[in-house]
Protein backbone atom coordinates (compact mmCIF):
# COMPACT_ATOMS: atom_id res chain seq x y z
CA UNK A 1 26.48 28.76 29.60
CA UNK A 2 24.47 30.03 27.17
CA UNK A 3 23.66 26.87 25.66
CA UNK A 4 22.92 25.25 28.70
CA UNK A 5 20.18 28.30 29.79
CA UNK A 6 19.01 27.54 25.97
CA UNK A 7 18.46 23.80 27.00
CA UNK A 8 16.46 24.73 30.28
CA UNK A 9 14.36 27.16 28.89
CA UNK A 10 13.40 25.10 26.04
CA UNK A 11 12.96 22.40 28.74
CA UNK A 12 10.74 24.50 30.81
CA UNK A 13 8.71 25.29 27.49
CA UNK A 14 8.03 21.65 26.44
CA UNK A 15 6.99 20.92 30.31
CA UNK A 16 4.46 24.09 30.40
CA UNK A 17 3.13 22.92 26.85
CA UNK A 18 2.60 19.56 28.37
CA UNK A 19 0.93 20.30 31.46
CA UNK A 20 -1.23 23.07 29.75
CA UNK A 21 -2.20 20.46 26.89
CA UNK A 22 -1.76 17.11 28.77
CA UNK A 23 -5.42 15.37 28.18
CA UNK A 24 -4.28 15.83 24.81
CA UNK A 25 -1.05 13.88 25.45
CA UNK A 26 -3.11 11.03 27.60
CA UNK A 27 -5.18 10.93 24.91
CA UNK A 28 -2.41 10.27 22.15
CA UNK A 29 -0.20 7.77 24.93
CA UNK A 30 -2.08 4.40 23.63
CA UNK A 31 -1.12 5.15 20.12
CA UNK A 32 2.77 5.98 20.90
CA UNK A 33 2.69 3.09 23.06
CA UNK A 34 1.81 0.84 20.52
CA UNK A 35 3.98 1.73 17.75
CA UNK A 36 6.99 2.22 20.38
CA UNK A 37 5.87 -1.60 21.56
CA UNK A 38 4.84 -3.05 18.15
CA UNK A 39 6.94 -1.37 15.61
CA UNK A 40 10.05 -0.16 17.06
CA UNK A 41 11.13 -3.00 19.91
CA UNK A 42 10.82 -5.77 16.94
CA UNK A 43 13.49 -3.94 15.35
CA UNK A 44 16.04 -5.61 17.86
CA UNK A 45 15.35 -8.34 15.92
CA UNK A 46 16.88 -6.92 12.72
CA UNK A 47 20.48 -7.99 13.53
CA UNK A 48 19.99 -11.78 12.68
CA UNK A 49 19.72 -10.20 9.36
CA UNK A 50 23.90 -9.74 9.78
CA UNK A 51 24.62 -13.05 11.98
CA UNK A 52 23.61 -16.86 11.64
CA UNK A 53 21.08 -17.03 13.68
CA UNK A 54 21.18 -20.04 16.27
CA UNK A 55 18.09 -20.61 18.50
CA UNK A 56 20.10 -22.42 21.06
CA UNK A 57 22.83 -19.53 21.14
CA UNK A 58 20.27 -16.72 20.69
CA UNK A 59 20.34 -13.44 19.02
CA UNK A 60 23.33 -12.11 21.21
CA UNK A 61 25.18 -15.58 20.63
CA UNK A 62 24.48 -16.46 16.95
CA UNK A 63 28.15 -15.65 15.19
CA UNK A 64 28.54 -12.65 12.93
CA UNK A 65 28.50 -13.12 9.30
CA UNK A 66 27.91 -9.40 7.77
CA UNK A 67 26.47 -8.87 4.73
CA UNK A 68 26.84 -12.93 3.78
CA UNK A 69 22.75 -13.55 3.14
CA UNK A 70 22.47 -10.12 1.35
CA UNK A 71 24.95 -11.45 -1.37
CA UNK A 72 23.52 -14.45 -1.25
CA UNK A 73 20.44 -13.15 -1.99
CA UNK A 74 22.05 -10.68 -4.99
CA UNK A 75 23.75 -13.88 -6.32
CA UNK A 76 21.05 -15.94 -6.20
CA UNK A 77 18.87 -17.43 -9.32
CA UNK A 78 16.24 -16.32 -7.93
CA UNK A 79 16.78 -12.57 -7.24
CA UNK A 80 16.02 -10.89 -10.36
CA UNK A 81 12.31 -12.67 -11.14
CA UNK A 82 11.80 -11.88 -7.39
CA UNK A 83 12.37 -8.52 -8.19
CA UNK A 84 11.12 -8.27 -11.53
CA UNK A 85 7.53 -9.62 -10.60
CA UNK A 86 6.69 -7.87 -6.83
CA UNK A 87 7.99 -4.53 -8.81
CA UNK A 88 5.82 -5.48 -11.27
CA UNK A 89 2.84 -5.68 -9.30
CA UNK A 90 3.58 -3.03 -7.67
CA UNK A 91 4.00 -0.61 -10.24
CA UNK A 92 0.90 -2.01 -11.93
CA UNK A 93 -0.90 -1.46 -8.83
CA UNK A 94 -0.06 2.20 -8.41
CA UNK A 95 -0.36 2.77 -12.32
CA UNK A 96 -4.04 1.23 -12.33
CA UNK A 97 -5.31 0.88 -8.50
CA UNK A 98 -4.44 4.24 -7.75
CA UNK A 99 -6.04 6.97 -10.20
CA UNK A 100 -9.63 4.71 -10.01
CA UNK A 101 -10.70 6.11 -6.41
CA UNK A 102 -9.67 9.55 -7.52
CA UNK A 103 -12.29 8.89 -10.68
CA UNK A 104 -14.52 7.49 -8.76
CA UNK A 105 -14.64 10.03 -5.84
CA UNK A 106 -15.41 12.69 -8.61
CA UNK A 107 -18.33 10.96 -10.38
CA UNK A 108 -19.55 10.47 -6.86
CA UNK A 109 -19.38 13.92 -5.92
CA UNK A 110 -21.20 15.32 -9.07
CA UNK A 111 -24.12 12.63 -8.30
CA UNK A 112 -27.23 14.88 -7.25
CA UNK A 113 -29.18 12.21 -6.06
CA UNK A 114 -28.42 11.60 -2.27
CA UNK A 115 -29.97 8.55 -2.55
CA UNK A 116 -28.16 7.30 -5.66
CA UNK A 117 -25.22 8.72 -4.41
CA UNK A 118 -25.88 6.41 -1.20
CA UNK A 119 -26.81 3.41 -3.51
CA UNK A 120 -23.41 3.75 -5.50
CA UNK A 121 -21.06 4.23 -2.08
CA UNK A 122 -22.44 1.21 -0.13
CA UNK A 123 -22.19 -1.15 -3.72
CA UNK A 124 -18.69 -0.14 -3.73
CA UNK A 125 -17.97 0.13 -0.31
CA UNK A 126 -19.46 -3.34 0.32
CA UNK A 127 -15.91 -5.46 -1.11
CA UNK A 128 -13.70 -3.76 1.33
CA UNK A 129 -14.96 -5.76 3.97
CA UNK A 130 -14.66 -9.25 2.21
CA UNK A 131 -11.50 -11.44 3.53
CA UNK A 132 -8.70 -11.96 1.69
CA UNK A 133 -9.94 -15.75 1.90
CA UNK A 134 -13.17 -14.80 0.43
CA UNK A 135 -12.16 -12.75 -2.32
CA UNK A 136 -9.84 -15.43 -3.55
CA UNK A 137 -12.43 -17.97 -3.36
CA UNK A 138 -14.66 -16.14 -5.75
CA UNK A 139 -11.76 -15.26 -7.82
CA UNK A 140 -11.20 -19.24 -8.04
CA UNK A 141 -15.07 -19.82 -8.86
CA UNK A 142 -15.50 -16.69 -11.46
CA UNK A 143 -12.59 -17.72 -13.39
CA UNK A 144 -13.04 -21.35 -13.09
CA UNK A 145 -11.97 -22.50 -17.33
CA UNK A 146 -14.92 -25.04 -17.06
CA UNK A 147 -17.60 -23.35 -14.78
CA UNK A 148 -16.69 -19.74 -14.02
CA UNK A 149 -18.98 -16.76 -15.33
CA UNK A 150 -16.12 -15.29 -17.14
CA UNK A 151 -14.98 -18.19 -19.16
CA UNK A 152 -19.17 -19.03 -19.72
CA UNK A 153 -19.32 -15.39 -20.98
CA UNK A 154 -16.32 -16.13 -23.48
CA UNK A 155 -17.20 -19.19 -24.52
CA UNK A 156 -20.89 -17.87 -25.29
CA UNK A 157 -19.07 -15.77 -27.78
CA UNK A 158 -17.45 -18.34 -28.98
CA UNK A 159 -14.09 -17.74 -27.62
CA UNK A 160 -11.85 -20.36 -26.27
CA UNK A 161 -11.82 -20.78 -22.24
CA UNK A 162 -8.80 -18.93 -20.83
CA UNK A 163 -6.99 -20.19 -17.97
CA UNK A 164 -6.31 -17.61 -15.84
CA UNK A 165 -4.94 -18.94 -12.86
CA UNK A 166 -2.77 -21.03 -14.40
CA UNK A 167 -1.41 -19.08 -17.29
CA UNK A 168 1.60 -16.60 -16.02
CA UNK A 169 0.50 -14.11 -18.45
CA UNK A 170 -2.75 -13.37 -16.78
CA UNK A 171 -1.68 -13.78 -12.91
CA UNK A 172 -0.88 -9.49 -12.61
CA UNK A 173 -4.14 -8.45 -14.58
CA UNK A 174 -5.97 -10.96 -12.23
CA UNK A 175 -4.36 -9.80 -9.14
CA UNK A 176 -4.51 -6.11 -9.37
CA UNK A 177 -7.95 -5.85 -11.00
CA UNK A 178 -9.57 -7.47 -8.25
CA UNK A 179 -7.56 -5.67 -5.68
CA UNK A 180 -9.13 -2.26 -7.65
CA UNK A 181 -12.23 -4.04 -7.02
CA UNK A 182 -12.62 -4.51 -3.70
CA UNK A 183 -10.80 -1.21 -2.47
CA UNK A 184 -11.51 1.17 -5.00
CA UNK A 185 -14.71 2.35 -2.96
CA UNK A 186 -13.01 2.42 0.25
CA UNK A 187 -9.67 4.10 -1.02
CA UNK A 188 -12.22 7.05 -2.57
CA UNK A 189 -13.42 8.12 0.85
CA UNK A 190 -10.42 10.27 2.00
CA UNK A 191 -11.19 12.01 -1.68
CA UNK A 192 -14.43 12.24 -1.21
CA UNK A 193 -13.88 14.29 2.22
CA UNK A 194 -11.26 16.67 1.09
CA UNK A 195 -13.87 17.65 -1.79
CA UNK A 196 -16.31 18.30 0.75
CA UNK A 197 -13.65 21.23 1.85
CA UNK A 198 -13.83 22.91 -1.18
CA UNK A 199 -15.36 26.41 -0.93
CA UNK A 200 -18.97 26.08 -3.19
CA UNK A 201 -18.51 30.15 -3.41
CA UNK A 202 -16.03 28.86 -6.34
CA UNK A 203 -18.44 26.81 -8.00
CA UNK A 204 -20.93 29.58 -8.06
CA UNK A 205 -18.49 31.99 -9.73
CA UNK A 206 -17.25 29.49 -12.16
CA UNK A 207 -21.18 28.80 -12.76
CA UNK A 208 -21.48 32.91 -13.19
CA UNK A 209 -18.59 32.76 -15.86
CA UNK A 210 -20.12 30.15 -17.53
CA UNK A 211 -18.21 27.26 -17.05
CA UNK A 212 -19.20 23.45 -17.59
CA UNK A 213 -19.49 20.97 -15.24
CA UNK A 214 -15.84 19.53 -16.57
CA UNK A 215 -14.45 22.75 -16.50
CA UNK A 216 -15.22 22.96 -12.69
CA UNK A 217 -14.17 19.48 -12.07
CA UNK A 218 -10.83 20.27 -13.72
CA UNK A 219 -10.17 23.47 -12.44
CA UNK A 220 -11.90 23.72 -8.87
CA UNK A 221 -12.15 19.98 -7.90
CA UNK A 222 -9.13 18.42 -9.03
CA UNK A 223 -6.94 21.08 -8.09
CA UNK A 224 -8.60 21.71 -4.29
CA UNK A 225 -8.04 17.51 -3.92
CA UNK A 226 -4.08 17.88 -5.18
CA UNK A 227 -2.40 17.98 -1.77
CA UNK A 228 -4.76 14.48 -0.55
CA UNK A 229 -3.17 12.86 -4.02
CA UNK A 230 0.18 13.88 -3.08
CA UNK A 231 0.11 12.55 -0.05
CA UNK A 232 -1.40 9.02 -0.99
CA UNK A 233 0.85 9.03 -4.18
CA UNK A 234 3.89 9.20 -1.86
CA UNK A 235 2.73 6.83 0.78
CA UNK A 236 1.98 4.44 -2.28
CA UNK A 237 5.14 5.20 -3.36
CA UNK A 238 6.77 4.51 0.39
CA UNK A 239 5.09 0.72 -0.34
CA UNK A 240 5.67 -0.08 -3.86
CA UNK A 241 7.69 -3.38 -2.92
CA UNK A 242 5.22 -4.42 0.00
CA UNK A 243 2.49 -6.60 -2.03
CA UNK A 244 0.29 -8.29 0.39
CA UNK A 245 1.37 -12.04 0.54
CA UNK A 246 -2.23 -13.61 1.77
CA UNK A 247 -3.48 -12.73 -1.73
CA UNK A 248 -0.47 -13.73 -3.84
CA UNK A 249 0.19 -16.70 -1.86
CA UNK A 250 -3.68 -18.21 -1.92
CA UNK A 251 -3.67 -17.13 -5.71
CA UNK A 252 -0.43 -18.78 -5.89
CA UNK A 253 0.21 -22.52 -7.91
CA UNK A 254 3.29 -24.16 -9.60
CA UNK A 255 1.94 -23.21 -12.96
CA UNK A 256 1.37 -19.72 -12.08
CA UNK A 257 5.02 -19.66 -10.22
CA UNK A 258 7.12 -17.25 -12.84
CA UNK A 259 4.85 -14.66 -12.11
CA UNK A 260 3.33 -14.65 -8.55
CA UNK A 261 6.70 -15.41 -6.95
CA UNK A 262 7.03 -12.09 -4.99
CA UNK A 263 9.98 -11.17 -1.74
CA UNK A 264 7.01 -11.95 0.47
CA UNK A 265 6.55 -15.19 -0.61
CA UNK A 266 10.09 -16.30 -0.64
CA UNK A 267 10.29 -14.84 2.57
CA UNK A 268 8.01 -17.38 3.51
CA UNK A 269 9.21 -20.60 1.92
CA UNK A 270 12.84 -19.96 3.34
CA UNK A 271 12.20 -18.34 6.67
CA UNK A 272 8.87 -20.14 8.05
CA UNK A 273 9.13 -23.53 5.95
CA UNK A 274 12.87 -24.24 5.38
CA UNK A 275 13.96 -22.42 9.19
CA UNK A 276 16.65 -20.07 7.57
CA UNK A 277 15.78 -17.08 9.95
CA UNK A 278 18.48 -15.08 8.84
CA UNK A 279 18.43 -15.19 5.06
CA UNK A 280 14.93 -14.60 5.41
CA UNK A 281 15.58 -11.42 7.65
CA UNK A 282 18.29 -10.14 5.19
CA UNK A 283 15.77 -10.02 2.57
CA UNK A 284 13.17 -8.78 4.52
CA UNK A 285 15.25 -5.90 5.73
CA UNK A 286 16.41 -5.46 1.74
CA UNK A 287 12.47 -5.01 0.70
CA UNK A 288 11.77 -2.46 3.50
CA UNK A 289 15.59 -0.23 2.80
CA UNK A 290 14.11 -0.08 -0.82
CA UNK A 291 10.72 1.04 0.59
CA UNK A 292 12.43 3.72 2.96
CA UNK A 293 14.52 5.09 -0.17
CA UNK A 294 11.98 5.44 -2.41
CA UNK A 295 9.86 7.13 0.27
CA UNK A 296 12.11 9.62 0.92
CA UNK A 297 13.23 10.36 -2.98
CA UNK A 298 9.22 10.69 -4.04
CA UNK A 299 8.70 12.98 -0.88
CA UNK A 300 11.77 15.42 -2.03
CA UNK A 301 10.38 15.18 -5.41
CA UNK A 302 6.99 16.26 -4.07
CA UNK A 303 8.39 18.88 -1.45
CA UNK A 304 9.95 20.85 -4.65
CA UNK A 305 7.33 20.23 -7.61
CA UNK A 306 4.18 21.55 -5.23
CA UNK A 307 5.59 22.43 -1.83
CA UNK A 308 3.14 19.02 -0.09
CA UNK A 309 5.56 16.73 1.84
CA UNK A 310 4.86 14.23 4.51
CA UNK A 311 7.95 16.19 6.43
């Protein structure tokens, strides 16, 4: 009886909040509808990873095979290569690409000239708006062994031209560094916003105490954006194995395949080209589950270390 009374009270409180803030709930309704329609409803099809999907029979009519497709993937010749390449690119992006926007934001924040600051921001933001196709086209032009600017500079210093796009050893570096150049300015925006929230009186007090600019950056600015850094680090760890398909696919060729073949391109070949829908769904589900586990682990660690987490 008491439980029913408690539930009715909670319902009445929720209804009062909705009536009071109906305009805010109405504002967020399209966002909720979008996620339900395009993120949760498609999860219904995840079950084909555990079935031998036959299009004519549909999802419900296809025979159940359990973990057969997962076992096939784990025992395949490509499993360790795919995992190594995907994890390698993901960690490379994290270790190199994650700190660069932080450093850039701290540097821009210290610029006293507004005109120069705006110029730097414009120059660093602009590459973000390039499409993946244009970006890869620029990479092909600049790294061409015959006419590419990079190799012309190398030969000018009496070096040998480097086959950047055909040597597997160079693929990860080219992929990550070009991505850092393209995204560092755009990624620094959120850190610049966090820096504007730091109390200026802290800097004034530090100047009175004789603190140098470097000391103020290290002891005021950096600690002030640590919560933002932590949240973005958690989100980046949650997508560690989600290496972008388009750029890898456009840069991929038969010569750099040992280093460029990742889970996303494997799913494309098996699912779209070969029509093995159940197998590709199993591989994609494995990738998503690993990302989710990493997200939960890193979130828990962050909550214990500095009380900052997603939930």
